[in-house]
């Protein structure tokens, strides 16, 4: 009896796991889209958007920048700030860790195609690790799992 319950629980877990993974990936993309929209709406009041997009900060540093901008009057509430920080952190992670080898336009190409952005980001991170081992590329900081998720979500938010 106990074994049947365990087998049933494992079956349910395997049936639900892909849906949970899809929801988490969808949530990352939704968060990235929201962060992008909030950034574009809120930050243009005081300065051009390109000014912020050239800065290369990690998410922690972006948190401080966004906090300072809110103190200066940026119209972001406590729920919106983390979305903007995540978006800016993903843009910076892409700029620092991906664009050393190619520009965003090379990543997305000329034709709009539905892609598995997470698989692409993981494959590129693997290429970067391999190139570092062989010394064929300058040292690129390692890409964390969170950064891979956010870079993939950023790419999907920008180019679905």
Protein backbone atom coordinates (compact mmCIF):
# COMPACT_ATOMS: atom_id res chain seq x y z
CA UNK A 1 0.00 0.00 0.00
CA UNK A 2 2.72 2.43 1.02
CA UNK A 3 4.69 1.61 -2.14
CA UNK A 4 1.64 2.30 -4.34
CA UNK A 5 1.23 5.72 -2.72
CA UNK A 6 4.92 6.49 -3.28
CA UNK A 7 4.74 5.40 -6.93
CA UNK A 8 1.63 7.53 -7.45
CA UNK A 9 3.32 10.54 -5.83
CA UNK A 10 6.39 10.17 -8.05
CA UNK A 11 4.17 9.86 -11.13
CA UNK A 12 2.33 13.04 -10.21
CA UNK A 13 5.64 14.82 -9.61
CA UNK A 14 6.96 13.86 -13.05
CA UNK A 15 3.69 14.90 -14.65
CA UNK A 16 3.70 18.30 -12.93
CA UNK A 17 7.44 19.08 -13.16
CA UNK A 18 7.44 20.17 -16.84
CA UNK A 19 4.49 22.50 -16.22
CA UNK A 20 6.25 24.02 -13.21
CA UNK A 21 9.45 24.48 -15.24
CA UNK A 22 7.49 26.11 -18.06
CA UNK A 23 5.73 28.39 -15.60
CA UNK A 24 9.07 29.39 -14.03
CA UNK A 25 10.52 30.13 -17.48
CA UNK A 26 7.37 32.04 -18.41
CA UNK A 27 7.57 33.97 -15.16
CA UNK A 28 11.18 34.96 -15.95
CA UNK A 29 10.14 36.22 -19.37
CA UNK A 30 7.14 38.06 -17.93
CA UNK A 31 9.39 39.62 -15.28
CA UNK A 32 11.88 40.67 -17.97
CA UNK A 33 9.14 42.20 -20.12
CA UNK A 34 7.72 44.06 -17.12
CA UNK A 35 11.16 45.27 -16.07
CA UNK A 36 11.89 46.51 -19.59
CA UNK A 37 8.56 48.34 -19.78
CA UNK A 38 8.95 49.89 -16.34
CA UNK A 39 12.51 50.96 -17.13
CA UNK A 40 11.46 52.57 -20.41
CA UNK A 41 8.53 54.39 -18.82
CA UNK A 42 10.13 55.47 -15.55
CA UNK A 43 13.72 56.31 -16.39
CA UNK A 44 13.20 58.51 -19.42
CA UNK A 45 11.80 61.30 -17.23
CA UNK A 46 15.27 62.43 -16.16
CA UNK A 47 17.72 61.11 -18.77
CA UNK A 48 17.99 59.19 -22.01
CA UNK A 49 17.62 55.44 -21.77
CA UNK A 50 20.91 54.84 -23.56
CA UNK A 51 22.71 56.41 -20.61
CA UNK A 52 21.62 53.59 -18.32
CA UNK A 53 22.05 50.86 -20.91
CA UNK A 54 25.77 51.52 -21.40
CA UNK A 55 26.53 51.00 -17.69
CA UNK A 56 27.83 47.53 -16.85
CA UNK A 57 26.76 46.67 -13.29
CA UNK A 58 25.82 43.41 -11.66
CA UNK A 59 22.34 43.06 -10.17
CA UNK A 60 23.52 44.13 -6.71
CA UNK A 61 25.04 47.34 -8.07
CA UNK A 62 21.92 47.99 -10.16
CA UNK A 63 19.89 47.67 -6.96
CA UNK A 64 21.85 50.55 -5.48
CA UNK A 65 21.50 52.63 -8.64
CA UNK A 66 17.74 52.08 -8.81
CA UNK A 67 17.38 52.87 -5.11
CA UNK A 68 19.27 56.14 -5.65
CA UNK A 69 17.13 57.00 -8.69
CA UNK A 70 13.94 56.40 -6.69
CA UNK A 71 15.31 58.76 -4.04
CA UNK A 72 15.77 61.33 -6.83
CA UNK A 73 12.14 60.85 -7.86
CA UNK A 74 11.94 57.90 -10.26
CA UNK A 75 8.31 56.71 -10.12
CA UNK A 76 8.92 53.09 -9.07
CA UNK A 77 7.26 51.42 -6.10
CA UNK A 78 8.74 48.63 -3.97
CA UNK A 79 7.25 45.89 -6.20
CA UNK A 80 8.49 47.46 -9.44
CA UNK A 81 12.10 48.11 -8.43
CA UNK A 82 13.23 44.45 -8.42
CA UNK A 83 11.82 44.01 -11.94
CA UNK A 84 13.84 46.96 -13.24
CA UNK A 85 16.95 45.76 -11.40
CA UNK A 86 16.57 42.27 -12.89
CA UNK A 87 16.13 43.66 -16.40
CA UNK A 88 19.14 45.96 -16.11
CA UNK A 89 21.21 43.18 -14.55
CA UNK A 90 20.37 40.83 -17.43
CA UNK A 91 21.27 43.51 -20.00
CA UNK A 92 24.58 44.08 -18.26
CA UNK A 93 25.27 40.34 -17.96
CA UNK A 94 24.66 39.97 -21.70
CA UNK A 95 26.91 42.95 -22.45
CA UNK A 96 29.75 41.73 -20.24
CA UNK A 97 29.54 37.99 -20.83
CA UNK A 98 28.06 37.52 -24.30
CA UNK A 99 28.80 40.54 -26.45
CA UNK A 100 32.53 40.00 -26.12
CA UNK A 101 32.14 37.43 -28.89
CA UNK A 102 29.19 38.87 -30.80
CA UNK A 103 26.59 41.60 -30.84
CA UNK A 104 22.93 41.08 -30.00
CA UNK A 105 22.03 41.22 -33.70
CA UNK A 106 24.27 38.21 -34.33
CA UNK A 107 22.50 36.29 -31.58
CA UNK A 108 19.04 36.92 -32.94
CA UNK A 109 19.85 36.97 -36.65
CA UNK A 110 17.96 38.68 -39.42
CA UNK A 111 14.89 36.45 -39.39
CA UNK A 112 12.43 36.20 -36.52
CA UNK A 113 12.47 32.56 -35.48
CA UNK A 114 11.10 30.95 -32.35
CA UNK A 115 14.13 29.73 -30.43
CA UNK A 116 14.88 27.90 -27.23
CA UNK A 117 16.74 30.84 -25.69
CA UNK A 118 17.68 28.95 -22.53
CA UNK A 119 19.33 26.18 -24.55
CA UNK A 120 21.12 28.80 -26.66
CA UNK A 121 22.38 30.65 -23.55
CA UNK A 122 23.57 27.38 -22.00
CA UNK A 123 25.33 26.37 -25.23
CA UNK A 124 27.08 29.74 -25.46
CA UNK A 125 28.16 29.52 -21.80
CA UNK A 126 29.67 26.13 -22.64
CA UNK A 127 31.52 27.61 -25.63
CA UNK A 128 32.88 30.37 -23.38
CA UNK A 129 34.11 27.81 -20.82
CA UNK A 130 35.76 25.74 -23.55
CA UNK A 131 37.41 28.79 -25.11
CA UNK A 132 38.76 29.87 -21.74
CA UNK A 133 40.25 26.42 -21.12
CA UNK A 134 42.08 26.52 -24.45
CA UNK A 135 43.03 30.17 -24.09
CA UNK A 136 41.36 31.20 -27.35
CA UNK A 137 39.37 34.03 -25.81
CA UNK A 138 39.96 36.65 -23.17
CA UNK A 139 38.77 35.76 -19.70
CA UNK A 140 35.01 36.13 -19.50
CA UNK A 141 33.52 36.02 -16.03
CA UNK A 142 31.62 32.77 -15.46
CA UNK A 143 27.89 32.88 -16.13
CA UNK A 144 25.79 31.81 -13.15
CA UNK A 145 22.63 29.74 -13.49
CA UNK A 146 20.53 32.77 -12.53
CA UNK A 147 22.27 34.86 -15.19
CA UNK A 148 21.61 32.15 -17.80
CA UNK A 149 17.91 32.17 -16.92
CA UNK A 150 17.78 35.97 -17.04
CA UNK A 151 19.77 36.27 -20.29
CA UNK A 152 17.49 33.71 -21.93
CA UNK A 153 14.41 35.55 -20.60
CA UNK A 154 15.86 38.87 -21.81
CA UNK A 155 16.37 37.49 -25.30
CA UNK A 156 12.88 36.02 -25.36
CA UNK A 157 11.40 39.29 -24.07
CA UNK A 158 13.21 41.33 -26.70
CA UNK A 159 12.84 38.89 -29.59
CA UNK A 160 10.06 36.37 -28.99
